[in-house]
Structure formats: C-alpha cells, structure tokens
Amino acid sequence: MYRFLLTPRWFGINVFVLLAIPFCIFMGSWQLSRFEDRMTESRDAKQAVVSDEREAARPLTQLLPVDKATSGKQVTATGRYAEQLLVPDRQLDDREGYYVLTLLRTDGGKALPVVRGWLPGSADPAKAPAPPKGEVTVTGALQASETPGDNGVSAQGGLPAGQTAAISAASLINLVPYGVYDAWITLNTGDSGMKAVPATAPADSGLDLKAFQNLGYTGEWFVFAGFVVFMWFRLMRREVEFIRDAELGILPDDEQREREQPQEKATA
C-alpha cells in the first residue's frame, strides 16, 4: 500500500521534506543563538557599567571615538563652562524631569557636552543651577551621541530656545558657534545638588526590539518545521485513503462521472 512513496512524484515530496526540516531547525537554532548572544551582551554591558565606575579616569582624547569598548569609561576633561541647555522629558527613578546640559569649552577649542545633573518637573531655566565659573576639571562616564527616536530619546522639534531633545553633536552644532565633540559625559556626582544621571549601556547591547525579534523568528522557524511534517503526514494519509477507496470500488465523484459518460454515450 505504501509503494506510492517510491513514485517520482512522492520522491520529490520526500526530498523536499528531508531538506526543509533540517533547514528550518538550523534557522530556528541560529535565531535562538542570536537572542542568547544579545542576552549575554546585555548582562555584560550592565556589569561593565558598574565596573567602569571603579576605573581610574583617563583623558577624553584617549577614548575617542566612542564605541562599545569605550562607552561608559571614566574620563576627565578640563575647560570652562559656556552655554547651558535643558534636555526635557527625561525620566529618573520613574519620575519625569529634565537634564541640565552645559558645554565645556576645552583647550582644543571644541566643547564637550556635560550632563551636570537631573531635576524633576518641566524644564525651567530659572530652576537650573548656573555652572561654576572659571576653569574646572570634570570627571564622568563617557557616552555616545544620542539618536533621536531611539532608546526613548525624543525626536520632537520646535522646542523653546535653550532646549534640545537629543544630546548629539548633530543637534548641538546648530545651537552654538563652535565645534562639539561627538560624545558627552554624565558627571559621577550631580552638580549643585542635582541628581547624577547614571551611565547607560552602549547601543545595540541590550534586550531591545531586535532581540525579541530574534526570539519571535525562532518560534516561527520551529513552527514551519512542524508544519512541513504535518503536511507530509496529511498528504500521505489522503493517498492511503484514496488507495483503500479504490480497492473497495469507491471512486471520487469526478472519476465516477468520467466512467459514466462513456456508458451514457454508448446507450445513446
């Protein structure tokens, strides 16, 4: 009864199934490994943020440009504070507030964006403490420029004067008449009684949407493998049922009509 499995048509079906199942399992396993890698990266990145706080601070120029290896490292820079901006809609400890961002003019001429701290409520220049005057040396965690629309960073435009939605050289260069480093730091200790803003893990190192997409693709590939097996068994059962019906003289309606038509013509 199962000799039909050796026919050319079923030989092609069997080859397809034998190739499709391991391919789906391989792709599902690969997507699962990508998700596990992102989990490991997220855990390592969080541990790195804590360990970086204990390291000795190094000059800013030694850690540029910012990448996954240098993000969160302790840096030190010397200069004079210049323009001060507020970064609205920033949460800290589940409370709404804003960052106080001050540009530090270094000896090299460029300015380093420094987040001096966080304050609760709506952005208000009158409540933001003025930066210290004269030459200062700051120490904090190095961070990469933000991208509007990513990781909760607002892409809102049309903010009042003295505010910026993202801490990035691309945004700040339009607000000040001098060059800005493509990086920023958050002070380890909040200035003038403000709360310090904790450093964040580097981009693409956390459990973001991409990580859970990998997990979703894992399930899809394993479902595809199960669907292939299900369809193969279903087709085989239909073929077996057809053979049994044929042995009992039970034919499908279309074949029955084909047999009856010659008889009707002969009678006519």
Protein backbone atom coordinates (compact mmCIF):
# COMPACT_ATOMS: atom_id res chain seq x y z
CA MET A 1 0.00 0.00 0.00
CA TYR A 2 2.88 2.35 0.71
CA ARG A 3 4.69 1.68 -2.55
CA PHE A 4 3.40 5.03 -3.80
CA LEU A 5 6.09 6.64 -1.65
CA LEU A 6 8.61 5.40 -4.22
CA THR A 7 6.89 7.03 -7.19
CA PRO A 8 8.61 10.02 -8.87
CA ARG A 9 6.02 12.47 -7.51
CA TRP A 10 6.45 11.30 -3.95
CA PHE A 11 10.18 11.06 -4.35
CA GLY A 12 10.22 14.83 -4.97
CA ILE A 13 7.93 15.45 -1.97
CA ASN A 14 10.12 13.32 0.30
CA VAL A 15 13.31 15.07 -0.80
CA PHE A 16 11.71 18.47 -0.15
CA VAL A 17 10.62 17.39 3.36
CA LEU A 18 14.02 15.90 4.20
CA LEU A 19 15.71 19.15 3.19
CA ALA A 20 13.14 21.57 4.64
CA ILE A 21 13.03 20.14 8.17
CA PRO A 22 16.76 20.41 8.99
CA PHE A 23 16.88 23.82 7.29
CA CYS A 24 14.05 25.14 9.50
CA ILE A 25 15.66 23.66 12.61
CA PHE A 26 19.01 25.20 11.68
CA MET A 27 17.48 28.65 11.12
CA GLY A 28 15.48 28.43 14.35
CA SER A 29 18.58 27.42 16.31
CA TRP A 30 20.56 30.25 14.74
CA GLN A 31 17.91 32.83 15.67
CA LEU A 32 17.83 31.42 19.21
CA SER A 33 21.62 31.74 19.47
CA ARG A 34 21.35 35.38 18.35
CA PHE A 35 18.83 36.03 21.13
CA GLU A 36 21.09 34.34 23.68
CA ASP A 37 24.05 36.39 22.46
CA ARG A 38 22.07 39.59 22.96
CA MET A 39 21.11 38.47 26.47
CA THR A 40 24.79 37.86 27.22
CA GLU A 41 25.74 41.24 25.76
CA SER A 42 23.08 42.94 27.86
CA ARG A 43 24.29 41.27 31.06
CA ASP A 44 27.94 42.03 30.28
CA ALA A 45 27.12 45.64 29.39
CA LYS A 46 25.34 46.19 32.72
CA GLN A 47 28.26 44.66 34.60
CA ALA A 48 30.68 46.80 32.61
CA VAL A 49 28.85 50.00 33.59
CA VAL A 50 29.33 49.10 37.27
CA SER A 51 32.99 48.06 36.88
CA ASP A 52 33.83 51.14 34.78
CA GLU A 53 32.87 53.36 37.71
CA ARG A 54 35.77 51.92 39.71
CA GLU A 55 38.37 52.53 37.00
CA ALA A 56 40.70 55.50 37.00
CA ALA A 57 39.57 58.31 34.74
CA ARG A 58 41.51 58.88 31.53
CA PRO A 59 41.80 61.96 29.30
CA LEU A 60 38.92 62.38 26.88
CA THR A 61 41.09 62.26 23.76
CA GLN A 62 42.35 58.77 24.65
CA LEU A 63 38.85 57.28 24.48
CA LEU A 64 37.52 58.84 21.29
CA PRO A 65 35.71 57.92 19.13
CA VAL A 66 33.09 56.35 21.38
CA ASP A 67 32.29 52.69 20.69
CA LYS A 68 31.11 49.67 22.67
CA ALA A 69 34.56 49.30 24.21
CA THR A 70 34.86 52.90 25.44
CA SER A 71 31.24 53.75 26.22
CA GLY A 72 30.79 54.07 29.98
CA LYS A 73 34.51 54.53 30.67
CA GLN A 74 35.56 57.17 33.14
CA VAL A 75 37.01 60.27 31.52
CA THR A 76 38.32 63.59 32.70
CA ALA A 77 38.40 66.92 30.91
CA THR A 78 39.41 70.47 31.78
CA GLY A 79 37.94 73.68 30.44
CA ARG A 80 35.44 76.46 31.05
CA TYR A 81 31.69 76.11 31.06
CA ALA A 82 29.86 78.00 28.33
CA GLU A 83 26.28 77.68 27.03
CA GLN A 84 23.77 75.79 29.13
CA LEU A 85 20.84 73.87 27.66
CA LEU A 86 18.00 71.83 29.10
CA VAL A 87 17.01 68.38 27.84
CA PRO A 88 13.30 67.89 28.61
CA ASP A 89 11.24 64.70 29.03
CA ARG A 90 13.89 62.61 30.77
CA GLN A 91 12.95 60.07 33.44
CA LEU A 92 14.93 59.18 36.52
CA ASP A 93 13.65 56.83 39.23
CA ASP A 94 10.28 56.69 37.40
CA ARG A 95 9.86 60.46 37.68
CA GLU A 96 9.58 62.97 34.86
CA GLY A 97 12.17 65.68 34.67
CA TYR A 98 14.99 67.13 32.59
CA TYR A 99 18.75 67.10 32.24
CA VAL A 100 20.89 70.17 32.78
CA LEU A 101 23.41 70.09 29.95
CA THR A 102 26.35 72.50 29.93
CA LEU A 103 29.00 72.75 27.23
CA LEU A 104 32.58 72.65 28.47
CA ARG A 105 34.98 74.61 26.23
CA THR A 106 38.25 72.68 26.27
CA ASP A 107 41.74 73.89 25.39
CA GLY A 108 41.38 72.29 21.96
CA GLY A 109 38.58 74.70 21.08
CA LYS A 110 35.83 72.09 20.89
CA ALA A 111 33.13 71.82 23.50
CA LEU A 112 32.29 68.70 25.48
CA PRO A 113 28.60 68.30 26.41
CA VAL A 114 28.40 67.65 30.16
CA VAL A 115 25.21 66.49 31.87
CA ARG A 116 25.65 68.09 35.27
CA GLY A 117 22.52 66.50 36.72
CA TRP A 118 18.75 65.92 36.63
CA LEU A 119 15.90 67.96 38.04
CA PRO A 120 12.23 66.97 38.42
CA GLY A 121 9.31 68.67 36.70
CA SER A 122 9.11 70.67 33.49
CA ALA A 123 12.24 72.21 32.02
CA ASP A 124 12.69 75.59 33.67
CA PRO A 125 15.84 77.68 33.09
CA ALA A 126 15.17 79.60 36.29
CA LYS A 127 15.49 76.42 38.38
CA ALA A 128 18.61 75.09 36.66
CA PRO A 129 21.72 75.95 38.70
CA ALA A 130 24.27 78.10 36.90
CA PRO A 131 27.55 76.37 36.09
CA PRO A 132 30.71 77.15 38.06
CA LYS A 133 32.84 79.97 36.68
CA GLY A 134 36.50 79.77 35.79
CA GLU A 135 38.49 76.71 34.82
CA VAL A 136 37.09 73.40 36.04
CA THR A 137 38.05 69.75 35.75
CA VAL A 138 35.16 67.32 35.36
CA THR A 139 35.04 63.55 35.71
CA GLY A 140 32.26 61.33 34.46
CA ALA A 141 31.14 58.43 32.32
CA LEU A 142 31.65 58.72 28.58
CA GLN A 143 28.54 58.29 26.43
CA ALA A 144 27.91 58.12 22.69
CA SER A 145 25.85 60.78 20.94
CA GLU A 146 22.13 60.06 21.08
CA THR A 147 19.97 59.37 18.05
CA PRO A 148 16.51 60.98 18.08
CA GLY A 149 13.79 58.36 18.17
CA ASP A 150 16.00 55.60 19.63
CA ASN A 151 16.02 54.28 23.21
CA GLY A 152 13.39 56.71 24.38
CA VAL A 153 15.17 59.79 23.01
CA SER A 154 12.58 62.29 21.84
CA ALA A 155 12.55 63.32 18.20
CA GLN A 156 10.37 66.32 19.00
CA GLY A 157 11.15 69.53 17.16
CA GLY A 158 10.23 73.13 17.75
CA LEU A 159 11.48 73.24 21.34
CA PRO A 160 11.86 76.58 23.10
CA ALA A 161 15.19 78.37 22.90
CA GLY A 162 17.72 76.90 25.29
CA GLN A 163 16.43 73.32 24.96
CA THR A 164 17.46 70.30 22.91
CA ALA A 165 15.73 66.95 22.51
CA ALA A 166 18.86 64.85 21.94
CA ILE A 167 22.41 65.08 23.23
CA SER A 168 24.30 64.80 19.98
CA ALA A 169 26.87 66.79 18.05
CA ALA A 170 24.49 66.91 15.07
CA SER A 171 21.86 68.71 17.19
CA LEU A 172 24.16 70.92 19.24
CA ILE A 173 26.26 72.16 16.33
CA ASN A 174 23.23 74.16 15.20
CA LEU A 175 22.86 75.82 18.60
CA VAL A 176 26.41 77.01 19.33
CA PRO A 177 29.01 78.82 17.19
CA TYR A 178 31.86 76.35 17.82
CA GLY A 179 32.70 72.69 17.33
CA VAL A 180 31.26 70.00 19.59
CA TYR A 181 32.70 66.59 20.41
CA ASP A 182 30.71 63.65 19.07
CA ALA A 183 30.30 62.38 22.64
CA TRP A 184 29.13 63.54 26.05
CA ILE A 185 29.70 62.70 29.69
CA THR A 186 27.47 62.44 32.73
CA LEU A 187 29.06 63.54 35.99
CA ASN A 188 29.53 60.89 38.65
CA THR A 189 28.19 63.31 41.26
CA GLY A 190 25.35 65.70 40.48
CA ASP A 191 26.46 69.33 40.45
CA SER A 192 24.86 71.95 42.74
CA GLY A 193 22.57 69.45 44.49
CA MET A 194 21.16 67.91 41.30
CA LYS A 195 20.79 64.14 40.94
CA ALA A 196 23.51 62.45 38.95
CA VAL A 197 22.35 60.80 35.72
CA PRO A 198 23.54 57.17 35.64
CA ALA A 199 25.50 55.97 32.63
CA THR A 200 23.71 53.71 30.19
CA ALA A 201 24.88 50.63 28.33
CA PRO A 202 26.14 51.06 24.75
CA ALA A 203 23.66 50.98 21.90
CA ASP A 204 22.71 47.55 20.48
CA SER A 205 23.85 45.80 23.65
CA GLY A 206 20.54 45.45 25.48
CA LEU A 207 17.33 43.47 25.21
CA ASP A 208 15.81 45.78 22.63
CA LEU A 209 13.22 45.13 19.93
CA LYS A 210 15.78 43.37 17.74
CA ALA A 211 16.48 40.83 20.47
CA PHE A 212 12.82 39.90 20.81
CA GLN A 213 12.50 39.78 17.02
CA ASN A 214 15.16 37.07 17.07
CA LEU A 215 13.12 35.19 19.68
CA GLY A 216 9.98 35.53 17.55
CA TYR A 217 11.79 34.28 14.44
CA THR A 218 12.98 31.28 16.47
CA GLY A 219 9.40 30.24 17.14
CA GLU A 220 8.39 30.83 13.52
CA TRP A 221 11.10 28.55 12.11
CA PHE A 222 10.23 25.72 14.51
CA VAL A 223 6.56 26.15 13.62
CA PHE A 224 7.49 25.90 9.93
CA ALA A 225 9.33 22.63 10.63
CA GLY A 226 6.27 21.22 12.40
CA PHE A 227 4.01 22.40 9.58
CA VAL A 228 6.13 20.58 6.99
CA VAL A 229 5.87 17.33 8.97
CA PHE A 230 2.11 17.84 9.44
CA MET A 231 1.51 18.42 5.72
CA TRP A 232 3.60 15.38 4.78
CA PHE A 233 1.52 13.11 7.04
CA ARG A 234 -1.69 14.66 5.80
CA LEU A 235 -0.80 14.10 2.15
CA MET A 236 0.29 10.55 2.90
CA ARG A 237 -2.98 9.77 4.71
CA ARG A 238 -5.00 11.13 1.83
CA GLU A 239 -3.05 8.97 -0.59
CA VAL A 240 -3.58 5.87 1.57
CA GLU A 241 -7.29 6.63 1.89
CA PHE A 242 -7.56 7.05 -1.88
CA ILE A 243 -5.89 3.68 -2.47
CA ARG A 244 -8.17 1.95 0.04
CA ASP A 245 -11.26 3.53 -1.51
CA ALA A 246 -10.11 2.44 -4.96
CA GLU A 247 -9.67 -1.14 -3.71
CA LEU A 248 -13.24 -1.04 -2.37
CA GLY A 249 -14.53 0.37 -5.63
CA ILE A 250 -15.25 3.77 -4.13
CA LEU A 251 -14.15 6.44 -6.60
CA PRO A 252 -14.16 10.20 -6.30
CA ASP A 253 -17.07 11.99 -7.97
CA ASP A 254 -15.01 13.25 -10.91
CA GLU A 255 -13.68 9.80 -11.77
CA GLN A 256 -17.14 8.29 -11.33
CA ARG A 257 -18.54 10.79 -13.82
CA GLU A 258 -15.74 10.02 -16.30
CA ARG A 259 -16.69 6.33 -16.20
CA GLU A 260 -20.42 7.04 -16.51
CA GLN A 261 -20.07 9.36 -19.52
CA PRO A 262 -18.81 6.66 -21.97
CA GLN A 263 -21.63 4.40 -20.83
CA GLU A 264 -24.20 7.12 -21.47
CA LYS A 265 -22.78 7.78 -24.94
CA ALA A 266 -22.87 4.08 -25.79
CA THR A 267 -26.50 3.80 -24.67
CA ALA A 268 -27.43 6.85 -26.76
